[in-house]
Amino acid sequence: MKAISGKQFCRLPESRGWALKRIDGSHHIDAQVGHSARISIPVHGNTPLKLGLQRALMNLANIGESDL
């Protein structure tokens, strides 16, 4: 799996119907319209996300490896 930064990852859920609700420090909180699910994406410059966290966020947002 290709590691990407939080800044790059933020664009993926937004293209799938997630919307940025707020920014809390360095974390972008996204939510789906009509659902109570939330994802918190850490954005620390161009630092890549750790693979376990990236995989968990991808599962929550229904993003496949081919979408990276």
Protein backbone atom coordinates (compact mmCIF):
# COMPACT_ATOMS: atom_id res chain seq x y z
CA MET A 1 0.00 0.00 0.00
CA LYS A 2 1.25 3.47 -0.89
CA ALA A 3 1.55 5.82 2.09
CA ILE A 4 0.11 9.29 1.45
CA SER A 5 0.02 12.43 3.56
CA GLY A 6 -3.02 13.56 5.52
CA LYS A 7 -3.30 16.56 3.20
CA GLN A 8 -3.60 14.23 0.17
CA PHE A 9 -5.94 11.85 2.01
CA CYS A 10 -8.39 14.69 2.82
CA ARG A 11 -9.33 14.95 -0.86
CA LEU A 12 -10.39 11.28 -1.14
CA PRO A 13 -13.37 11.21 1.28
CA GLU A 14 -14.60 14.58 0.02
CA SER A 15 -14.86 13.15 -3.49
CA ARG A 16 -17.04 10.34 -2.05
CA GLY A 17 -19.70 12.43 -0.34
CA TRP A 18 -17.94 13.26 2.95
CA ALA A 19 -17.87 16.91 3.97
CA LEU A 20 -15.42 18.79 6.16
CA LYS A 21 -17.31 19.70 9.34
CA ARG A 22 -14.57 21.37 11.36
CA ILE A 23 -10.85 21.59 11.95
CA ASP A 24 -9.69 20.84 15.48
CA GLY A 25 -6.01 21.74 15.72
CA SER A 26 -4.25 19.64 13.09
CA HIS A 27 -7.15 17.21 12.61
CA HIS A 28 -9.78 17.56 9.92
CA ILE A 29 -13.14 16.11 11.01
CA ASP A 30 -15.24 14.84 8.10
CA ALA A 31 -18.81 13.54 8.22
CA GLN A 32 -21.28 12.08 5.76
CA VAL A 33 -24.50 13.92 5.14
CA GLY A 34 -27.38 12.11 6.86
CA HIS A 35 -25.12 9.77 8.88
CA SER A 36 -23.60 10.07 12.31
CA ALA A 37 -20.25 8.56 11.23
CA ARG A 38 -17.20 10.80 11.56
CA ILE A 39 -13.57 10.40 10.56
CA SER A 40 -10.66 12.37 11.97
CA ILE A 41 -7.76 12.86 9.55
CA PRO A 42 -4.47 14.14 11.03
CA VAL A 43 -2.86 16.74 8.76
CA HIS A 44 0.76 17.32 9.76
CA GLY A 45 2.20 18.99 6.68
CA ASN A 46 3.43 16.49 4.12
CA THR A 47 4.18 13.77 6.68
CA PRO A 48 2.77 10.46 5.45
CA LEU A 49 0.08 8.73 7.50
CA LYS A 50 1.07 5.52 9.26
CA LEU A 51 -0.17 2.54 7.28
CA GLY A 52 -2.41 1.16 10.05
CA LEU A 53 -4.17 4.49 10.49
CA GLN A 54 -4.44 4.98 6.74
CA ARG A 55 -5.97 1.52 6.32
CA ALA A 56 -8.48 2.17 9.14
CA LEU A 57 -9.52 5.52 7.65
CA MET A 58 -9.89 3.92 4.22
CA ASN A 59 -12.17 1.25 5.67
CA LEU A 60 -14.37 3.84 7.41
CA ALA A 61 -14.65 5.98 4.27
CA ASN A 62 -15.07 2.99 1.89
CA ILE A 63 -11.96 3.83 -0.12
CA GLY A 64 -10.10 1.05 -1.91
CA GLU A 65 -6.37 0.76 -2.55
CA SER A 66 -6.95 1.35 -6.24
CA ASP A 67 -8.35 4.83 -5.42
CA LEU A 68 -5.02 6.02 -4.06
